[in-house]
Protein backbone atom coordinates (compact mmCIF):
# COMPACT_ATOMS: atom_id res chain seq x y z
CA MET A 1 125.51 110.79 116.31
CA ARG A 2 124.70 107.17 115.93
CA LYS A 3 126.67 104.91 112.83
CA PRO A 4 124.53 103.35 110.37
CA ALA A 5 124.33 99.27 110.83
CA PRO A 6 125.48 97.53 108.30
CA PRO A 7 123.66 95.53 106.04
CA ALA A 8 123.09 92.19 107.37
CA SER A 9 120.84 88.67 105.72
CA THR A 10 120.12 85.84 107.02
CA ALA A 11 119.02 82.63 105.19
CA SER A 12 117.21 79.39 105.94
CA THR A 13 116.07 76.41 103.93
CA THR A 14 113.18 74.79 104.80
CA ARG A 15 109.85 73.35 103.14
CA PRO A 16 107.40 76.37 103.35
CA PRO A 17 103.81 75.04 103.20
CA PRO A 18 101.21 75.84 100.73
CA ASP A 19 98.87 77.48 102.45
CA TRP A 20 99.89 80.67 105.15
CA ASP A 21 97.92 82.69 107.64
CA ILE A 22 98.93 86.21 106.87
CA ALA A 23 98.47 89.49 108.94
CA ARG A 24 99.79 92.77 107.87
CA ALA A 25 100.97 95.17 110.68
CA GLY A 26 100.93 98.26 108.68
CA HIS A 27 103.46 97.27 105.77
CA PRO A 28 103.05 97.43 102.31
CA PRO A 29 101.24 94.11 100.85
CA PRO A 30 103.39 91.01 100.21
CA ALA A 31 104.09 89.93 96.90
CA LEU A 32 103.92 86.66 94.81
CA ALA A 33 105.50 85.89 91.84
CA ARG A 34 104.78 82.51 89.78
CA PRO A 35 107.28 81.05 87.50
CA GLY A 36 106.25 83.16 83.69
CA ARG A 37 103.75 85.68 85.11
CA ALA A 38 104.09 89.18 86.56
CA PRO A 39 104.03 89.49 90.48
CA VAL A 40 100.95 89.90 92.44
CA PHE A 41 100.36 92.23 95.16
CA ARG A 42 98.11 90.50 97.75
CA ASP A 43 95.50 92.69 99.09
CA LEU A 44 95.12 91.69 102.72
CA PRO A 45 93.37 93.86 105.61
CA PRO A 46 95.63 96.54 106.70
CA GLY A 47 96.84 95.97 110.47
CA LEU A 48 98.20 98.92 113.38
CA PRO A 49 102.08 98.88 113.13
CA LEU A 50 103.39 96.41 115.85
CA GLY A 51 103.97 97.76 119.03
CA ILE A 52 100.68 99.68 118.54
CA GLY A 53 98.55 97.57 117.83
CA VAL A 54 98.57 94.87 120.65
CA ALA A 55 99.20 97.45 123.12
CA GLY A 56 96.50 99.40 122.21
CA GLY A 57 94.24 96.76 122.42
CA GLY A 58 93.74 95.75 118.88
CA HIS A 59 94.19 92.43 116.86
CA TYR A 60 95.56 91.54 113.31
CA GLN A 61 93.39 89.66 111.48
CA ALA A 62 95.14 86.72 109.66
CA THR A 63 94.15 85.60 106.21
CA ARG A 64 94.88 82.34 104.57
CA LEU A 65 96.76 82.91 101.48
CA HIS A 66 97.58 79.90 99.09
CA VAL A 67 101.67 79.66 97.65
CA PRO A 68 101.64 77.75 94.81
CA ARG A 69 104.21 75.20 94.10
CA HIS A 70 107.75 77.07 92.63
CA SER A 71 106.41 80.29 93.48
CA THR A 72 107.57 83.09 95.20
CA LEU A 73 106.60 85.37 98.16
CA VAL A 74 107.79 88.77 99.23
CA LEU A 75 106.82 90.11 102.73
CA TYR A 76 108.58 93.26 103.08
CA THR A 77 108.89 96.69 105.29
CA ASP A 78 108.18 100.27 103.47
CA GLY A 79 111.70 100.89 103.66
CA LEU A 80 112.46 98.69 100.71
CA ILE A 81 110.31 101.27 98.17
CA GLU A 82 109.50 104.34 99.76
CA SER A 83 111.74 107.18 98.44
CA PRO A 84 111.18 110.69 98.43
CA ALA A 85 111.27 111.09 95.04
CA ALA A 86 108.67 108.71 94.13
CA ASP A 87 105.00 108.19 95.01
CA MET A 88 103.82 104.81 96.42
CA SER A 89 102.19 103.51 93.25
CA THR A 90 105.40 104.20 91.31
CA ALA A 91 107.55 102.55 93.99
CA MET A 92 105.19 99.49 93.67
CA ALA A 93 105.76 99.47 89.86
CA ARG A 94 109.22 99.08 90.74
CA LEU A 95 108.92 96.63 93.49
CA ALA A 96 106.89 94.82 90.81
CA ARG A 97 109.80 94.72 87.95
CA THR A 98 112.31 93.90 89.96
CA PHE A 99 110.80 90.98 91.70
CA THR A 100 109.99 89.28 88.20
CA ASN A 101 113.85 89.51 87.17
CA VAL A 102 114.71 87.81 90.61
CA SER A 103 111.67 85.89 91.41
CA GLN A 104 113.83 82.85 89.84
CA LEU A 105 117.12 83.05 91.38
CA PRO A 106 118.38 81.17 94.47
CA VAL A 107 116.82 83.00 97.20
CA THR A 108 119.64 84.43 98.90
CA GLU A 109 120.66 85.88 95.40
CA ALA A 110 117.18 87.35 94.80
CA CYS A 111 117.18 89.36 98.10
CA ASP A 112 120.66 90.62 97.84
CA THR A 113 119.54 91.72 94.27
CA LEU A 114 116.02 93.12 95.45
CA LEU A 115 117.94 95.21 98.01
CA ALA A 116 121.00 96.40 95.78
CA ALA A 117 118.34 97.71 93.34
CA LEU A 118 115.79 98.75 95.13
CA ALA A 119 117.71 99.95 98.73
CA PRO A 120 121.23 100.61 98.08
CA SER A 121 121.44 103.92 100.86
CA PRO A 122 117.97 103.05 102.35
CA ALA A 123 117.11 106.04 104.60
CA ASP A 124 114.78 103.43 106.62
CA ASP A 125 114.99 100.39 108.24
CA VAL A 126 114.35 97.51 105.43
CA ALA A 127 113.25 94.16 106.26
CA VAL A 128 112.76 91.54 103.42
CA LEU A 129 111.72 87.86 104.39
CA MET A 130 111.44 85.74 100.92
CA ALA A 131 110.10 82.29 100.64
CA ARG A 132 109.64 79.88 97.94
CA THR A 133 107.50 76.74 97.74
């Protein structure tokens, strides 16, 4: 039996550009939070999961996404929100509520809080990329 990997996180500080070219690889849509506003899930064209799309001759359609100053963008895998106890719309609403509460925290603290609230004992792998402009 394989021993589960311990939680890990990495932080990097840089000034992200205001415009991003983003493509989805089978993951849920990114969420964008602006100060004082509810997060918005950006509807991007879905792509095949990594490893399947390129190997199968497919391609990923990139979409230009403007991320206004002082906004927080979060990209994540479905392991963050999926639960046998909730359907996808309930899971996305829970993410929106939690993201609203953490979007103005320092990014490292926001990621830790998001993970603890939504995936304290994940059944699937979880990846979260959060950027603040």
